[in-house]
Structures are given as C-alpha cells and as structure tokens.
C-alpha cells in the first residue's frame, strides 16, 4: 500500500472530523473542500458585487431604504454561509473565507473598469 499526502491528512485530523458522514477517504474530502472554496468565491462575488450596487444607490440618494435593506441582506447572507461552513469544521470555514477574500480584487477591478 502506498502512502500519499492524503494519508497524511488523517494524521492531522483533517479527514476524520468526528462528524457523521465526514469519515471520507482522501479524494472525496478534497472534492468537498474544493466545493467550499468554490462556494466562497461565488459568495464573495455576490457580496462585493452587491457592495457596488449599494454604493450606486447611496450615491444617487434615492431608495435609501432599499440600500439599507441590501446591506443587511449581504451581511446576513455572508454570515449564514460562513456559519454553516463553521459547523463543518475549521478547514471548510477557512477555505470558504479564503474564497471570499480572494475574489475581492477581481470584482473590484471589474467594477473599476465599468465605473470609468
């Protein structure tokens, strides 16, 4: 039997988190963690895209109630998904948060290009 880097994850406690259904072999665990990262990037794109929309609403001065509602909705969406990821363990939470943070410069660069 060959030893791979995935076998080392079990030694660090990353494969068996003690939760029902999380005692997965290496490759499905990598797929689950990649899905958390992908979900984080999608969540970050929605969050920071909504930030641009909020800025436009505040700058126009109209629909302030809608702008404030969107702020609360963005925070609630981000908090709920990160809370759900935290229930699955530290690594899924960190990967989802990393996805949110990594997509920010891309969204802001796109917004800057459209603002010109």
Protein backbone atom coordinates (compact mmCIF):
# COMPACT_ATOMS: atom_id res chain seq x y z
CA UNK A 1 0.00 0.00 0.00
CA UNK A 2 1.42 3.37 -0.99
CA UNK A 3 1.33 6.38 1.28
CA UNK A 4 0.22 9.66 -0.28
CA UNK A 5 -0.18 13.19 1.02
CA UNK A 6 -3.88 12.46 1.52
CA UNK A 7 -2.96 9.79 4.05
CA UNK A 8 -1.10 12.49 5.95
CA UNK A 9 -4.33 14.47 6.32
CA UNK A 10 -5.71 11.74 8.56
CA UNK A 11 -2.73 12.21 10.85
CA UNK A 12 -3.54 15.91 11.17
CA UNK A 13 -7.19 15.17 11.90
CA UNK A 14 -8.37 16.71 8.64
CA UNK A 15 -10.07 13.64 7.21
CA UNK A 16 -11.92 12.38 10.27
CA UNK A 17 -13.59 15.36 11.93
CA UNK A 18 -15.77 13.23 14.16
CA UNK A 19 -18.96 14.38 12.45
CA UNK A 20 -21.45 11.91 10.97
CA UNK A 21 -20.84 11.48 7.27
CA UNK A 22 -17.40 13.14 7.31
CA UNK A 23 -15.32 9.98 7.59
CA UNK A 24 -14.44 10.14 3.92
CA UNK A 25 -11.43 8.77 2.11
CA UNK A 26 -8.96 11.30 0.75
CA UNK A 27 -10.24 12.16 -2.72
CA UNK A 28 -13.91 12.86 -1.77
CA UNK A 29 -12.64 15.06 1.06
CA UNK A 30 -10.56 17.07 -1.40
CA UNK A 31 -13.67 17.46 -3.58
CA UNK A 32 -15.71 18.67 -0.60
CA UNK A 33 -13.02 21.17 0.37
CA UNK A 34 -12.78 22.39 -3.24
CA UNK A 35 -16.55 22.86 -3.21
CA UNK A 36 -16.26 25.02 -0.08
CA UNK A 37 -13.63 27.17 -1.79
CA UNK A 38 -15.78 27.47 -4.93
CA UNK A 39 -18.81 28.39 -2.83
CA UNK A 40 -16.70 31.04 -1.11
CA UNK A 41 -15.67 32.58 -4.43
CA UNK A 42 -19.30 32.70 -5.57
CA UNK A 43 -20.37 34.16 -2.27
CA UNK A 44 -17.61 36.75 -2.43
CA UNK A 45 -18.58 37.72 -5.99
CA UNK A 46 -22.19 38.23 -4.87
CA UNK A 47 -21.14 40.12 -1.75
CA UNK A 48 -18.73 42.53 -3.42
CA UNK A 49 -20.94 42.92 -6.48
CA UNK A 50 -23.73 43.91 -4.12
CA UNK A 51 -21.39 46.38 -2.49
CA UNK A 52 -21.04 48.18 -5.82
CA UNK A 53 -24.80 48.23 -6.23
CA UNK A 54 -25.17 49.67 -2.72
CA UNK A 55 -22.62 52.38 -3.47
CA UNK A 56 -24.58 53.37 -6.58
CA UNK A 57 -27.83 53.51 -4.60
CA UNK A 58 -26.28 55.66 -1.88
CA UNK A 59 -24.65 57.96 -4.44
CA UNK A 60 -27.93 58.52 -6.24
CA UNK A 61 -29.64 59.49 -2.98
CA UNK A 62 -32.81 57.65 -3.94
CA UNK A 63 -34.11 54.43 -2.46
CA UNK A 64 -32.18 54.64 0.79
CA UNK A 65 -34.44 52.08 2.43
CA UNK A 66 -33.61 49.63 -0.35
CA UNK A 67 -29.88 50.33 0.05
CA UNK A 68 -30.01 49.71 3.80
CA UNK A 69 -32.01 46.53 3.23
CA UNK A 70 -29.40 45.31 0.75
CA UNK A 71 -26.64 45.96 3.27
CA UNK A 72 -28.42 43.86 5.87
CA UNK A 73 -29.14 41.16 3.29
CA UNK A 74 -25.49 41.00 2.21
CA UNK A 75 -24.29 40.67 5.79
CA UNK A 76 -26.94 38.06 6.59
CA UNK A 77 -26.07 36.01 3.51
CA UNK A 78 -22.35 36.09 4.24
CA UNK A 79 -22.84 35.33 7.93
CA UNK A 80 -25.22 32.44 7.30
CA UNK A 81 -22.98 30.68 4.78
CA UNK A 82 -19.87 31.15 6.89
CA UNK A 83 -21.76 29.89 9.95
CA UNK A 84 -22.86 26.78 8.06
CA UNK A 85 -19.28 26.20 6.94
CA UNK A 86 -18.06 26.59 10.53
CA UNK A 87 -20.39 23.80 11.62
CA UNK A 88 -18.49 21.50 9.28
CA UNK A 89 -15.11 22.33 10.77
CA UNK A 90 -12.28 24.80 10.68
CA UNK A 91 -10.86 23.82 7.30
CA UNK A 92 -14.14 24.28 5.36
CA UNK A 93 -14.65 27.63 7.08
CA UNK A 94 -11.14 28.80 6.27
CA UNK A 95 -11.40 27.71 2.63
CA UNK A 96 -14.75 29.44 2.19
CA UNK A 97 -13.42 32.63 3.78
CA UNK A 98 -10.32 32.39 1.59
CA UNK A 99 -12.56 32.18 -1.48
CA UNK A 100 -14.45 35.29 -0.37
CA UNK A 101 -11.23 37.23 0.18
CA UNK A 102 -9.51 36.05 -2.99
CA UNK A 103 -12.34 37.09 -5.30
CA UNK A 104 -12.50 40.63 -3.91
CA UNK A 105 -9.69 42.13 -6.05
CA UNK A 106 -11.19 40.57 -9.18
CA UNK A 107 -14.63 42.03 -8.53
CA UNK A 108 -13.24 45.42 -7.57
CA UNK A 109 -11.09 45.52 -10.71
CA UNK A 110 -14.17 44.75 -12.81
CA UNK A 111 -16.19 47.39 -11.01
CA UNK A 112 -13.42 49.94 -11.52
CA UNK A 113 -13.42 49.19 -15.26
CA UNK A 114 -17.19 49.68 -15.51
CA UNK A 115 -17.12 52.88 -13.44
CA UNK A 116 -14.92 54.69 -15.96
